[in-house]
């Protein structure tokens, strides 16, 4: 069986698209976190129920942390087996917590 790897130009293009997509997602999640934090602060001063806003805020934080760990670990953890397992376990935890926040 012949091992066919894509050319390095394809690897470079996929890497650039991945980083751009993650950066856009992270930017939008940060905007959501700021917006939800401002709304929670405003609603808290008016004594309204804000449980749903906290759920959305925690969901955004879990997704943002997952993206940060993915971006940081995608290149650095490929050479070290222990670091790769740590990044994989941390990503698993963060995305499972995001799914649990979605169920609330």
N, C-alpha and C. Protein backbone atom coordinates (compact mmCIF):
# COMPACT_ATOMS: atom_id res chain seq x y z
N UNK A 1 0.85 -1.17 0.00
CA UNK A 1 0.00 0.00 0.00
C UNK A 1 0.89 1.23 0.00
N UNK A 2 0.58 2.12 -0.90
CA UNK A 2 1.39 3.32 -1.06
C UNK A 2 0.86 4.43 -0.16
N UNK A 3 1.75 5.05 0.59
CA UNK A 3 1.37 6.16 1.47
C UNK A 3 1.34 7.44 0.66
N UNK A 4 0.14 7.95 0.43
CA UNK A 4 -0.01 9.16 -0.36
C UNK A 4 -0.30 10.33 0.57
N UNK A 5 0.66 11.22 0.69
CA UNK A 5 0.48 12.44 1.47
C UNK A 5 0.20 13.58 0.52
N UNK A 6 -0.68 14.49 0.92
CA UNK A 6 -0.91 15.64 0.04
C UNK A 6 0.34 16.50 -0.05
N UNK A 7 0.48 17.22 -1.13
CA UNK A 7 1.66 18.09 -1.26
C UNK A 7 1.72 19.13 -0.14
N UNK A 8 2.89 19.66 0.08
CA UNK A 8 3.06 20.62 1.17
C UNK A 8 2.24 21.88 0.95
N UNK A 9 1.95 22.25 -0.29
CA UNK A 9 1.11 23.42 -0.54
C UNK A 9 -0.31 23.19 -0.03
N UNK A 10 -0.79 21.96 -0.14
CA UNK A 10 -2.13 21.63 0.38
C UNK A 10 -2.11 21.67 1.91
N UNK A 11 -1.05 21.14 2.52
CA UNK A 11 -0.91 21.21 3.98
C UNK A 11 -0.89 22.65 4.45
N UNK A 12 -0.17 23.49 3.75
CA UNK A 12 -0.07 24.91 4.12
C UNK A 12 -1.44 25.59 3.99
N UNK A 13 -2.16 25.31 2.91
CA UNK A 13 -3.47 25.91 2.71
C UNK A 13 -4.46 25.45 3.78
N UNK A 14 -4.44 24.17 4.11
CA UNK A 14 -5.33 23.66 5.16
C UNK A 14 -5.00 24.27 6.51
N UNK A 15 -3.73 24.45 6.78
CA UNK A 15 -3.31 25.07 8.03
C UNK A 15 -3.78 26.51 8.11
N UNK A 16 -3.63 27.26 7.02
CA UNK A 16 -4.05 28.66 7.01
C UNK A 16 -5.56 28.77 7.19
N UNK A 17 -6.31 27.92 6.49
CA UNK A 17 -7.77 27.95 6.61
C UNK A 17 -8.20 27.59 8.03
N UNK A 18 -7.53 26.62 8.63
CA UNK A 18 -7.85 26.23 10.01
C UNK A 18 -7.60 27.36 10.99
N UNK A 19 -6.45 28.01 10.86
CA UNK A 19 -6.13 29.12 11.76
C UNK A 19 -7.08 30.31 11.56
N UNK A 20 -7.41 30.61 10.32
CA UNK A 20 -8.33 31.73 10.06
C UNK A 20 -9.72 31.42 10.62
N UNK A 21 -10.20 30.20 10.39
CA UNK A 21 -11.51 29.81 10.91
C UNK A 21 -11.56 29.83 12.43
N UNK A 22 -10.52 29.31 13.06
CA UNK A 22 -10.47 29.33 14.53
C UNK A 22 -10.37 30.75 15.06
N UNK A 23 -9.61 31.61 14.39
CA UNK A 23 -9.47 32.99 14.84
C UNK A 23 -10.81 33.73 14.73
N UNK A 24 -11.53 33.52 13.64
CA UNK A 24 -12.84 34.17 13.50
C UNK A 24 -13.81 33.66 14.56
N UNK A 25 -13.81 32.36 14.79
CA UNK A 25 -14.68 31.79 15.82
C UNK A 25 -14.34 32.31 17.20
N UNK A 26 -13.04 32.39 17.49
CA UNK A 26 -12.61 32.88 18.79
C UNK A 26 -12.98 34.35 18.98
N UNK A 27 -12.84 35.14 17.94
CA UNK A 27 -13.22 36.55 18.00
C UNK A 27 -14.71 36.69 18.30
N UNK A 28 -15.54 35.93 17.58
CA UNK A 28 -16.99 36.01 17.80
C UNK A 28 -17.37 35.50 19.19
N UNK A 29 -16.70 34.46 19.67
CA UNK A 29 -16.98 33.98 21.02
C UNK A 29 -16.58 35.01 22.07
N UNK A 30 -15.47 35.71 21.85
CA UNK A 30 -15.07 36.76 22.79
C UNK A 30 -16.08 37.91 22.79
N UNK A 31 -16.59 38.26 21.61
CA UNK A 31 -17.64 39.28 21.54
C UNK A 31 -18.89 38.83 22.30
N UNK A 32 -19.24 37.56 22.15
CA UNK A 32 -20.41 37.01 22.86
C UNK A 32 -20.20 37.04 24.36
N UNK A 33 -18.99 36.71 24.80
CA UNK A 33 -18.70 36.71 26.23
C UNK A 33 -18.81 38.13 26.79
N UNK A 34 -18.27 39.10 26.07
CA UNK A 34 -18.35 40.50 26.52
C UNK A 34 -19.80 40.96 26.55
N UNK A 35 -20.55 40.67 25.48
CA UNK A 35 -21.95 41.08 25.42
C UNK A 35 -22.77 40.43 26.54
N UNK A 36 -22.61 39.13 26.73
CA UNK A 36 -23.38 38.45 27.78
C UNK A 36 -22.99 38.95 29.16
N UNK A 37 -21.71 39.24 29.36
CA UNK A 37 -21.28 39.78 30.66
C UNK A 37 -21.92 41.13 30.93
N UNK A 38 -21.98 41.97 29.91
CA UNK A 38 -22.62 43.29 30.08
C UNK A 38 -24.11 43.15 30.36
N UNK A 39 -24.77 42.24 29.65
CA UNK A 39 -26.21 42.03 29.88
C UNK A 39 -26.46 41.46 31.27
N UNK A 40 -25.63 40.53 31.70
CA UNK A 40 -25.78 39.95 33.04
C UNK A 40 -25.60 41.03 34.09
N UNK A 41 -24.59 41.89 33.92
CA UNK A 41 -24.36 42.96 34.89
C UNK A 41 -25.55 43.91 34.92
N UNK A 42 -26.09 44.25 33.76
CA UNK A 42 -27.24 45.15 33.69
C UNK A 42 -28.48 44.51 34.32
N UNK A 43 -28.73 43.27 33.98
CA UNK A 43 -29.91 42.57 34.51
C UNK A 43 -29.79 42.32 36.01
N UNK A 44 -28.58 42.08 36.48
CA UNK A 44 -28.38 41.82 37.91
C UNK A 44 -28.74 43.05 38.73
N UNK A 45 -28.43 44.23 38.21
CA UNK A 45 -28.76 45.45 38.95
C UNK A 45 -30.26 45.70 38.97
N UNK A 46 -31.00 45.07 38.03
CA UNK A 46 -32.45 45.23 37.98
C UNK A 46 -33.18 44.07 38.66
N UNK A 47 -32.44 43.14 39.23
CA UNK A 47 -32.97 41.99 39.96
C UNK A 47 -33.85 41.08 39.08
N UNK A 48 -33.45 40.87 37.84
CA UNK A 48 -34.16 39.94 36.98
C UNK A 48 -33.52 38.56 37.09
N UNK A 49 -34.26 37.53 36.67
CA UNK A 49 -33.70 36.18 36.64
C UNK A 49 -32.77 36.06 35.43
N UNK A 50 -31.56 35.63 35.69
CA UNK A 50 -30.56 35.60 34.62
C UNK A 50 -29.91 34.23 34.47
N UNK A 51 -30.63 33.17 34.85
CA UNK A 51 -30.04 31.83 34.78
C UNK A 51 -29.67 31.43 33.36
N UNK A 52 -30.55 31.72 32.40
CA UNK A 52 -30.26 31.36 31.02
C UNK A 52 -29.05 32.10 30.47
N UNK A 53 -28.86 33.32 30.90
CA UNK A 53 -27.69 34.08 30.44
C UNK A 53 -26.40 33.47 30.98
N UNK A 54 -26.43 32.99 32.22
CA UNK A 54 -25.24 32.33 32.78
C UNK A 54 -24.93 31.05 32.02
N UNK A 55 -25.96 30.32 31.62
CA UNK A 55 -25.74 29.09 30.85
C UNK A 55 -25.08 29.42 29.52
N UNK A 56 -25.59 30.44 28.83
CA UNK A 56 -24.99 30.84 27.56
C UNK A 56 -23.57 31.35 27.74
N UNK A 57 -23.34 32.08 28.82
CA UNK A 57 -21.99 32.59 29.09
C UNK A 57 -21.01 31.44 29.32
N UNK A 58 -21.41 30.47 30.13
CA UNK A 58 -20.53 29.33 30.40
C UNK A 58 -20.30 28.49 29.15
N UNK A 59 -21.31 28.38 28.29
CA UNK A 59 -21.15 27.68 27.02
C UNK A 59 -20.11 28.38 26.15
N UNK A 60 -20.19 29.69 26.06
CA UNK A 60 -19.23 30.46 25.26
C UNK A 60 -17.82 30.35 25.83
N UNK A 61 -17.69 30.37 27.14
CA UNK A 61 -16.37 30.24 27.76
C UNK A 61 -15.77 28.86 27.49
N UNK A 62 -16.58 27.81 27.61
CA UNK A 62 -16.08 26.45 27.35
C UNK A 62 -15.64 26.30 25.89
N UNK A 63 -16.43 26.83 24.97
CA UNK A 63 -16.06 26.75 23.55
C UNK A 63 -14.81 27.57 23.25
N UNK A 64 -14.70 28.76 23.85
CA UNK A 64 -13.52 29.60 23.62
C UNK A 64 -12.26 28.94 24.18
N UNK A 65 -12.36 28.36 25.37
CA UNK A 65 -11.19 27.67 25.93
C UNK A 65 -10.81 26.46 25.08
N UNK A 66 -11.81 25.76 24.56
CA UNK A 66 -11.53 24.63 23.67
C UNK A 66 -10.79 25.08 22.42
N UNK A 67 -11.20 26.20 21.85
CA UNK A 67 -10.51 26.71 20.67
C UNK A 67 -9.09 27.16 20.98
N UNK A 68 -8.90 27.79 22.13
CA UNK A 68 -7.55 28.23 22.52
C UNK A 68 -6.64 27.02 22.71
N UNK A 69 -7.13 25.99 23.38
CA UNK A 69 -6.32 24.78 23.57
C UNK A 69 -6.03 24.12 22.23
N UNK A 70 -7.02 24.08 21.34
CA UNK A 70 -6.82 23.49 20.02
C UNK A 70 -5.77 24.25 19.23
N UNK A 71 -5.88 25.58 19.22
CA UNK A 71 -4.91 26.39 18.47
C UNK A 71 -3.51 26.25 19.05
N UNK A 72 -3.41 26.25 20.37
CA UNK A 72 -2.09 26.13 21.01
C UNK A 72 -1.52 24.73 20.86
N UNK A 73 -2.37 23.72 20.90
CA UNK A 73 -1.88 22.36 20.90
C UNK A 73 -1.74 21.71 19.54
N UNK A 74 -2.29 22.35 18.49
CA UNK A 74 -2.29 21.72 17.18
C UNK A 74 -0.87 21.55 16.63
N UNK A 75 0.01 22.47 16.93
CA UNK A 75 1.38 22.38 16.43
C UNK A 75 2.37 21.92 17.50
N UNK A 76 2.12 22.32 18.74
CA UNK A 76 3.13 22.06 19.78
C UNK A 76 3.08 20.64 20.32
N UNK A 77 1.93 20.01 20.31
CA UNK A 77 1.80 18.70 20.95
C UNK A 77 2.00 17.54 19.98
N UNK A 78 2.33 17.80 18.74
CA UNK A 78 2.47 16.71 17.78
C UNK A 78 3.74 15.90 17.97
N UNK A 79 4.77 16.50 18.53
CA UNK A 79 6.05 15.81 18.68
C UNK A 79 6.19 15.11 20.03
N UNK A 80 5.43 15.51 21.02
CA UNK A 80 5.56 14.96 22.36
C UNK A 80 4.32 14.13 22.68
N UNK A 81 4.52 12.85 23.00
CA UNK A 81 3.40 11.95 23.24
C UNK A 81 2.61 12.35 24.49
N UNK A 82 3.30 12.73 25.55
CA UNK A 82 2.62 13.13 26.78
C UNK A 82 1.82 14.42 26.60
N UNK A 83 2.40 15.38 25.89
CA UNK A 83 1.68 16.63 25.64
C UNK A 83 0.48 16.40 24.74
N UNK A 84 0.61 15.50 23.78
CA UNK A 84 -0.50 15.18 22.89
C UNK A 84 -1.67 14.57 23.67
N UNK A 85 -1.35 13.67 24.59
CA UNK A 85 -2.40 13.06 25.41
C UNK A 85 -3.05 14.09 26.33
N UNK A 86 -2.24 15.00 26.88
CA UNK A 86 -2.78 16.04 27.75
C UNK A 86 -3.71 16.97 26.98
N UNK A 87 -3.29 17.40 25.79
CA UNK A 87 -4.13 18.28 24.97
C UNK A 87 -5.41 17.57 24.57
N UNK A 88 -5.29 16.30 24.20
CA UNK A 88 -6.48 15.54 23.81
C UNK A 88 -7.45 15.40 24.98
N UNK A 89 -6.94 15.12 26.17
CA UNK A 89 -7.81 14.99 27.34
C UNK A 89 -8.46 16.32 27.70
N UNK A 90 -7.71 17.40 27.61
CA UNK A 90 -8.25 18.72 27.91
C UNK A 90 -9.32 19.13 26.89
N UNK A 91 -9.08 18.84 25.61
CA UNK A 91 -10.08 19.13 24.59
C UNK A 91 -11.34 18.30 24.82
N UNK A 92 -11.15 17.03 25.17
CA UNK A 92 -12.30 16.16 25.44
C UNK A 92 -13.13 16.73 26.59
N UNK A 93 -12.47 17.14 27.66
CA UNK A 93 -13.18 17.70 28.81
C UNK A 93 -13.93 18.98 28.43
N UNK A 94 -13.25 19.89 27.73
CA UNK A 94 -13.87 21.18 27.40
C UNK A 94 -15.06 21.02 26.46
N UNK A 95 -14.95 20.15 25.47
CA UNK A 95 -16.06 20.00 24.54
C UNK A 95 -17.20 19.18 25.14
N UNK A 96 -16.91 18.25 26.03
CA UNK A 96 -17.99 17.56 26.74
C UNK A 96 -18.70 18.52 27.67
N UNK A 97 -17.95 19.41 28.32
CA UNK A 97 -18.61 20.40 29.18
C UNK A 97 -19.45 21.35 28.34
N UNK A 98 -19.00 21.68 27.13
CA UNK A 98 -19.82 22.53 26.24
C UNK A 98 -21.11 21.81 25.85
N UNK A 99 -21.03 20.53 25.55
CA UNK A 99 -22.24 19.78 25.23
C UNK A 99 -23.18 19.70 26.43
N UNK A 100 -22.62 19.57 27.62
CA UNK A 100 -23.47 19.53 28.82
C UNK A 100 -24.14 20.88 29.04
N UNK A 101 -23.43 21.99 28.79
CA UNK A 101 -24.07 23.31 28.91
C UNK A 101 -25.18 23.46 27.88
N UNK A 102 -25.03 22.84 26.71
CA UNK A 102 -26.08 22.90 25.70
C UNK A 102 -27.33 22.16 26.15
N UNK A 103 -27.17 21.15 27.00
CA UNK A 103 -28.32 20.37 27.45
C UNK A 103 -29.11 21.06 28.55
N UNK A 104 -28.51 22.08 29.17
CA UNK A 104 -29.21 22.76 30.27
C UNK A 104 -30.39 23.56 29.79
